[in-house]
Amino acid sequence: EWFDPDAIRPLTDLEVLRGMSGPTVPVNQDQFDVSIGKKDPSILEGTARDSSMQSESSLRSGLMQSAGVAPGRNRREDRVARGETGQRDMFGRSSADIKKEEENWLAYREERRAGARGEA
């Protein structure tokens, strides 16, 4: 719904300053969620005691666990046992798979070009 510009009053200087200022310290997602009423304030009770090192280590361990790596088990023998031989890219494709996929895409592009030339 559109408002008539004359029906809207201009902001006062104080309202403008209040609207343009942000938080004085960085806010994390939990603090923001509590401020808008999305989460319960009790979740913020333990955050003041946490140090940044603990949160960084928990973030790293969370990422490692989500990737299927047990904490402290990233030794070479463990990686080899999991099948991570270094011969694959981040998607788990071997160099032969990558080459085959590139050849497929080249063939597909050539097919499309030939089809486009035939239509024109």
N, C-alpha and C. Protein backbone atom coordinates (compact mmCIF):
# COMPACT_ATOMS: atom_id res chain seq x y z
N GLU A 1 0.86 -1.18 0.00
CA GLU A 1 0.00 0.00 0.00
C GLU A 1 0.89 1.23 0.00
N TRP A 2 0.59 2.17 -0.84
CA TRP A 2 1.36 3.40 -0.94
C TRP A 2 0.72 4.49 -0.11
N PHE A 3 1.54 5.25 0.57
CA PHE A 3 1.05 6.37 1.36
C PHE A 3 1.22 7.67 0.57
N ASP A 4 0.34 8.60 0.85
CA ASP A 4 0.48 9.93 0.26
C ASP A 4 1.67 10.60 0.95
N PRO A 5 2.65 11.11 0.20
CA PRO A 5 3.84 11.71 0.83
C PRO A 5 3.50 12.85 1.79
N ASP A 6 2.41 13.55 1.57
CA ASP A 6 2.03 14.64 2.48
C ASP A 6 1.49 14.12 3.80
N ALA A 7 0.99 12.88 3.82
CA ALA A 7 0.42 12.31 5.04
C ALA A 7 1.49 11.80 6.00
N ILE A 8 2.73 11.67 5.55
CA ILE A 8 3.82 11.16 6.38
C ILE A 8 4.62 12.33 6.92
N ARG A 9 4.74 12.38 8.24
CA ARG A 9 5.48 13.49 8.84
C ARG A 9 6.98 13.25 8.72
N PRO A 10 7.77 14.29 8.62
CA PRO A 10 9.23 14.11 8.56
C PRO A 10 9.76 13.67 9.92
N LEU A 11 10.87 12.95 9.89
CA LEU A 11 11.49 12.49 11.12
C LEU A 11 12.17 13.65 11.83
N THR A 12 12.21 13.57 13.16
CA THR A 12 12.95 14.57 13.93
C THR A 12 14.43 14.22 13.87
N ASP A 13 15.28 15.16 14.25
CA ASP A 13 16.72 14.89 14.24
C ASP A 13 17.08 13.72 15.15
N LEU A 14 16.42 13.66 16.30
CA LEU A 14 16.68 12.57 17.25
C LEU A 14 16.30 11.22 16.64
N GLU A 15 15.16 11.15 15.95
CA GLU A 15 14.74 9.91 15.31
C GLU A 15 15.71 9.50 14.21
N VAL A 16 16.22 10.47 13.50
CA VAL A 16 17.18 10.18 12.43
C VAL A 16 18.46 9.62 13.03
N LEU A 17 18.97 10.26 14.09
CA LEU A 17 20.20 9.78 14.73
C LEU A 17 20.01 8.39 15.32
N ARG A 18 18.86 8.16 15.94
CA ARG A 18 18.58 6.85 16.52
C ARG A 18 18.52 5.78 15.44
N GLY A 19 17.93 6.12 14.31
CA GLY A 19 17.79 5.16 13.22
C GLY A 19 19.09 4.89 12.51
N MET A 20 20.02 5.82 12.52
CA MET A 20 21.27 5.63 11.80
C MET A 20 22.37 5.03 12.66
N SER A 21 22.16 4.98 13.96
CA SER A 21 23.19 4.40 14.82
C SER A 21 22.93 2.90 14.96
N GLY A 22 24.00 2.16 15.10
CA GLY A 22 23.89 0.72 15.27
C GLY A 22 24.36 0.33 16.66
N PRO A 23 24.54 -0.93 16.89
CA PRO A 23 25.03 -1.37 18.19
C PRO A 23 26.47 -0.90 18.41
N THR A 24 26.81 -0.66 19.67
CA THR A 24 28.16 -0.17 19.98
C THR A 24 29.20 -1.28 19.93
N VAL A 25 28.77 -2.54 20.09
CA VAL A 25 29.66 -3.70 20.00
C VAL A 25 29.07 -4.69 19.00
N PRO A 26 29.88 -5.55 18.41
CA PRO A 26 29.33 -6.55 17.48
C PRO A 26 28.31 -7.46 18.16
N VAL A 27 27.29 -7.83 17.44
CA VAL A 27 26.21 -8.66 17.95
C VAL A 27 26.25 -9.99 17.22
N ASN A 28 26.18 -11.10 17.99
CA ASN A 28 26.14 -12.40 17.32
C ASN A 28 24.68 -12.78 17.03
N GLN A 29 24.49 -13.89 16.34
CA GLN A 29 23.15 -14.29 15.90
C GLN A 29 22.23 -14.55 17.08
N ASP A 30 22.72 -15.18 18.15
CA ASP A 30 21.87 -15.46 19.30
C ASP A 30 21.40 -14.16 19.95
N GLN A 31 22.29 -13.20 20.09
CA GLN A 31 21.90 -11.92 20.70
C GLN A 31 20.85 -11.22 19.85
N PHE A 32 21.01 -11.28 18.54
CA PHE A 32 20.03 -10.66 17.65
C PHE A 32 18.68 -11.36 17.77
N ASP A 33 18.70 -12.69 17.78
CA ASP A 33 17.45 -13.45 17.89
C ASP A 33 16.72 -13.14 19.19
N VAL A 34 17.47 -12.97 20.29
CA VAL A 34 16.85 -12.61 21.56
C VAL A 34 16.27 -11.20 21.48
N SER A 35 16.99 -10.27 20.82
CA SER A 35 16.52 -8.88 20.76
C SER A 35 15.22 -8.74 19.98
N ILE A 36 14.99 -9.62 19.00
CA ILE A 36 13.74 -9.54 18.24
C ILE A 36 12.67 -10.47 18.79
N GLY A 37 13.00 -11.17 19.89
CA GLY A 37 12.02 -12.02 20.54
C GLY A 37 11.90 -13.40 19.93
N LYS A 38 12.83 -13.80 19.10
CA LYS A 38 12.76 -15.10 18.45
C LYS A 38 13.24 -16.22 19.37
N LYS A 39 14.18 -15.90 20.27
CA LYS A 39 14.72 -16.91 21.19
C LYS A 39 14.56 -16.44 22.63
N ASP A 40 14.68 -17.39 23.54
CA ASP A 40 14.57 -17.11 24.97
C ASP A 40 15.85 -16.46 25.48
N PRO A 41 15.77 -15.39 26.30
CA PRO A 41 16.97 -14.72 26.81
C PRO A 41 17.87 -15.62 27.66
N SER A 42 17.37 -16.73 28.15
CA SER A 42 18.19 -17.60 29.00
C SER A 42 19.36 -18.21 28.24
N ILE A 43 19.31 -18.24 26.91
CA ILE A 43 20.42 -18.83 26.15
C ILE A 43 21.66 -17.95 26.18
N LEU A 44 21.50 -16.67 26.54
CA LEU A 44 22.64 -15.76 26.56
C LEU A 44 23.39 -15.77 27.88
N GLU A 45 22.91 -16.49 28.89
CA GLU A 45 23.52 -16.45 30.22
C GLU A 45 24.96 -16.93 30.22
N GLY A 46 25.30 -17.98 29.47
CA GLY A 46 26.64 -18.53 29.51
C GLY A 46 27.59 -17.91 28.51
N THR A 47 27.12 -17.04 27.64
CA THR A 47 27.99 -16.54 26.58
C THR A 47 29.03 -15.55 27.09
N ALA A 48 28.78 -14.86 28.17
CA ALA A 48 29.75 -13.89 28.67
C ALA A 48 30.98 -14.59 29.23
N ARG A 49 30.81 -15.82 29.72
CA ARG A 49 31.93 -16.55 30.29
C ARG A 49 32.79 -17.23 29.23
N ASP A 50 32.22 -17.49 28.08
CA ASP A 50 32.98 -18.18 27.02
C ASP A 50 34.05 -17.28 26.46
N SER A 51 35.22 -17.84 26.25
CA SER A 51 36.28 -17.07 25.60
C SER A 51 36.22 -17.32 24.10
N SER A 52 36.89 -16.47 23.36
CA SER A 52 36.85 -16.62 21.91
C SER A 52 37.56 -17.90 21.47
N MET A 53 38.56 -18.32 22.22
CA MET A 53 39.27 -19.54 21.86
C MET A 53 38.36 -20.76 21.97
N GLN A 54 37.53 -20.79 23.02
CA GLN A 54 36.63 -21.93 23.18
C GLN A 54 35.63 -21.97 22.04
N SER A 55 35.09 -20.81 21.67
CA SER A 55 34.10 -20.79 20.61
C SER A 55 34.73 -21.16 19.27
N GLU A 56 35.98 -20.73 19.04
CA GLU A 56 36.65 -21.10 17.80
C GLU A 56 36.92 -22.59 17.74
N SER A 57 37.35 -23.17 18.87
CA SER A 57 37.63 -24.60 18.86
C SER A 57 36.35 -25.40 18.71
N SER A 58 35.25 -24.93 19.32
CA SER A 58 34.00 -25.66 19.17
C SER A 58 33.49 -25.54 17.74
N LEU A 59 33.72 -24.40 17.10
CA LEU A 59 33.32 -24.24 15.71
C LEU A 59 34.10 -25.21 14.83
N ARG A 60 35.41 -25.28 15.07
CA ARG A 60 36.25 -26.19 14.27
C ARG A 60 35.85 -27.63 14.50
N SER A 61 35.62 -28.01 15.75
CA SER A 61 35.25 -29.40 16.00
C SER A 61 33.88 -29.71 15.41
N GLY A 62 32.98 -28.73 15.44
CA GLY A 62 31.67 -28.93 14.82
C GLY A 62 31.79 -29.14 13.33
N LEU A 63 32.66 -28.37 12.69
CA LEU A 63 32.86 -28.53 11.25
C LEU A 63 33.49 -29.88 10.94
N MET A 64 34.45 -30.26 11.75
CA MET A 64 35.12 -31.54 11.51
C MET A 64 34.14 -32.70 11.71
N GLN A 65 33.29 -32.61 12.72
CA GLN A 65 32.33 -33.68 12.96
C GLN A 65 31.30 -33.75 11.84
N SER A 66 30.89 -32.58 11.33
CA SER A 66 29.91 -32.59 10.24
C SER A 66 30.52 -33.18 8.98
N ALA A 67 31.83 -33.10 8.85
CA ALA A 67 32.50 -33.69 7.70
C ALA A 67 32.80 -35.18 7.92
N GLY A 68 32.43 -35.71 9.07
CA GLY A 68 32.63 -37.12 9.35
C GLY A 68 33.98 -37.45 9.93
N VAL A 69 34.69 -36.47 10.49
CA VAL A 69 36.01 -36.69 11.06
C VAL A 69 35.90 -36.66 12.58
N ALA A 70 36.34 -37.71 13.23
CA ALA A 70 36.32 -37.74 14.68
C ALA A 70 37.35 -36.75 15.21
N PRO A 71 37.07 -36.09 16.33
CA PRO A 71 38.04 -35.11 16.87
C PRO A 71 39.38 -35.76 17.17
N GLY A 72 40.46 -35.13 16.73
CA GLY A 72 41.79 -35.63 17.00
C GLY A 72 42.21 -36.79 16.11
N ARG A 73 41.43 -37.10 15.12
CA ARG A 73 41.73 -38.27 14.30
C ARG A 73 41.96 -37.85 12.85
N ASN A 74 42.88 -36.93 12.63
CA ASN A 74 43.18 -36.50 11.28
C ASN A 74 44.62 -36.85 10.91
N ARG A 75 45.07 -37.98 11.46
CA ARG A 75 46.40 -38.45 11.13
C ARG A 75 46.40 -39.04 9.73
N ARG A 76 47.57 -39.19 9.16
CA ARG A 76 47.67 -39.72 7.80
C ARG A 76 47.05 -41.11 7.70
N GLU A 77 47.33 -41.95 8.68
CA GLU A 77 46.78 -43.31 8.62
C GLU A 77 45.25 -43.29 8.71
N ASP A 78 44.70 -42.33 9.45
CA ASP A 78 43.24 -42.22 9.53
C ASP A 78 42.65 -41.74 8.20
N ARG A 79 43.32 -40.78 7.56
CA ARG A 79 42.84 -40.29 6.26
C ARG A 79 42.89 -41.39 5.21
N VAL A 80 43.97 -42.18 5.22
CA VAL A 80 44.09 -43.29 4.27
C VAL A 80 43.01 -44.33 4.56
N ALA A 81 42.74 -44.60 5.83
CA ALA A 81 41.71 -45.57 6.19
C ALA A 81 40.33 -45.11 5.73
N ARG A 82 40.11 -43.81 5.73
CA ARG A 82 38.82 -43.26 5.26
C ARG A 82 38.77 -43.19 3.74
N GLY A 83 39.88 -43.45 3.07
CA GLY A 83 39.91 -43.40 1.62
C GLY A 83 40.31 -42.06 1.07
N GLU A 84 40.81 -41.17 1.92
CA GLU A 84 41.26 -39.86 1.46
C GLU A 84 42.73 -39.98 1.07
N THR A 85 42.96 -40.32 -0.18
CA THR A 85 44.33 -40.54 -0.62
C THR A 85 44.95 -39.32 -1.25
N GLY A 86 44.18 -38.26 -1.39
CA GLY A 86 44.70 -37.06 -2.01
C GLY A 86 44.57 -37.10 -3.52
N GLN A 87 44.00 -38.17 -4.05
CA GLN A 87 43.84 -38.32 -5.49
C GLN A 87 42.48 -37.81 -5.97
N ARG A 88 41.73 -37.20 -5.08
CA ARG A 88 40.39 -36.74 -5.43
C ARG A 88 40.23 -35.26 -5.08
N ASP A 89 39.28 -34.61 -5.75
CA ASP A 89 39.03 -33.20 -5.45
C ASP A 89 38.04 -33.11 -4.29
N MET A 90 37.59 -31.89 -3.98
CA MET A 90 36.71 -31.70 -2.82
C MET A 90 35.34 -32.34 -2.99
N PHE A 91 34.98 -32.73 -4.23
CA PHE A 91 33.69 -33.38 -4.48
C PHE A 91 33.83 -34.89 -4.54
N GLY A 92 35.03 -35.39 -4.30
CA GLY A 92 35.26 -36.83 -4.29
C GLY A 92 35.49 -37.42 -5.67
N ARG A 93 35.76 -36.56 -6.66
CA ARG A 93 35.97 -37.05 -8.02
C ARG A 93 37.45 -37.31 -8.26
N SER A 94 37.75 -38.41 -8.93
CA SER A 94 39.14 -38.70 -9.28
C SER A 94 39.48 -37.92 -10.54
N SER A 95 40.76 -37.91 -10.90
CA SER A 95 41.17 -37.16 -12.10
C SER A 95 40.53 -37.75 -13.35
N ALA A 96 40.32 -39.07 -13.36
CA ALA A 96 39.64 -39.70 -14.51
C ALA A 96 38.18 -39.25 -14.59
N ASP A 97 37.52 -39.17 -13.44
CA ASP A 97 36.13 -38.69 -13.41
C ASP A 97 36.03 -37.26 -13.91
N ILE A 98 36.98 -36.43 -13.48
CA ILE A 98 36.98 -35.02 -13.89
C ILE A 98 37.17 -34.92 -15.40
N LYS A 99 38.11 -35.69 -15.93
CA LYS A 99 38.39 -35.67 -17.37
C LYS A 99 37.17 -36.13 -18.15
N LYS A 100 36.52 -37.20 -17.68
CA LYS A 100 35.33 -37.72 -18.35
C LYS A 100 34.21 -36.68 -18.35
N GLU A 101 34.02 -36.00 -17.22
CA GLU A 101 32.98 -34.98 -17.13
C GLU A 101 33.27 -33.81 -18.06
N GLU A 102 34.51 -33.39 -18.15
CA GLU A 102 34.87 -32.31 -19.07
C GLU A 102 34.62 -32.70 -20.52
N GLU A 103 34.96 -33.96 -20.86
CA GLU A 103 34.70 -34.43 -22.22
C GLU A 103 33.20 -34.46 -22.51
N ASN A 104 32.40 -34.88 -21.54
CA ASN A 104 30.95 -34.89 -21.71
C ASN A 104 30.42 -33.48 -21.97
N TRP A 105 30.91 -32.50 -21.21
CA TRP A 105 30.45 -31.13 -21.39
C TRP A 105 30.86 -30.59 -22.74
N LEU A 106 32.08 -30.89 -23.18
CA LEU A 106 32.52 -30.45 -24.49
C LEU A 106 31.65 -31.05 -25.59
N ALA A 107 31.35 -32.35 -25.47
CA ALA A 107 30.49 -33.00 -26.45
C ALA A 107 29.10 -32.38 -26.44
N TYR A 108 28.57 -32.10 -25.28
CA TYR A 108 27.25 -31.48 -25.16
C TYR A 108 27.24 -30.10 -25.82
N ARG A 109 28.27 -29.29 -25.57
CA ARG A 109 28.34 -27.96 -26.17
C ARG A 109 28.42 -28.04 -27.69
N GLU A 110 29.23 -28.96 -28.18
CA GLU A 110 29.34 -29.12 -29.62
C GLU A 110 28.02 -29.55 -30.23
N GLU A 111 27.31 -30.43 -29.54
CA GLU A 111 25.99 -30.87 -30.00
C GLU A 111 25.02 -29.70 -30.08
N ARG A 112 25.05 -28.85 -29.04
CA ARG A 112 24.16 -27.68 -29.01
C ARG A 112 24.50 -26.70 -30.13
N ARG A 113 25.81 -26.49 -30.35
CA ARG A 113 26.23 -25.59 -31.42
C ARG A 113 25.80 -26.11 -32.78
N ALA A 114 25.98 -27.41 -32.98
CA ALA A 114 25.59 -28.01 -34.25
C ALA A 114 24.08 -27.89 -34.45
N GLY A 115 23.32 -28.07 -33.38
CA GLY A 115 21.86 -27.93 -33.45
C GLY A 115 21.45 -26.49 -33.73
N ALA A 116 22.16 -25.54 -33.16
CA ALA A 116 21.85 -24.13 -33.35
C ALA A 116 22.19 -23.72 -34.79
N ARG A 117 23.26 -24.26 -35.35
CA ARG A 117 23.63 -23.95 -36.74
C ARG A 117 22.63 -24.55 -37.71
N GLY A 118 22.11 -25.71 -37.36
CA GLY A 118 21.14 -26.38 -38.22
C GLY A 118 19.81 -25.66 -38.26
N GLU A 119 19.43 -24.99 -37.15
CA GLU A 119 18.16 -24.26 -37.09
C GLU A 119 18.24 -22.93 -37.82
N ALA A 120 19.42 -22.30 -37.79
CA ALA A 120 19.54 -20.95 -38.36
C ALA A 120 19.64 -20.94 -39.86
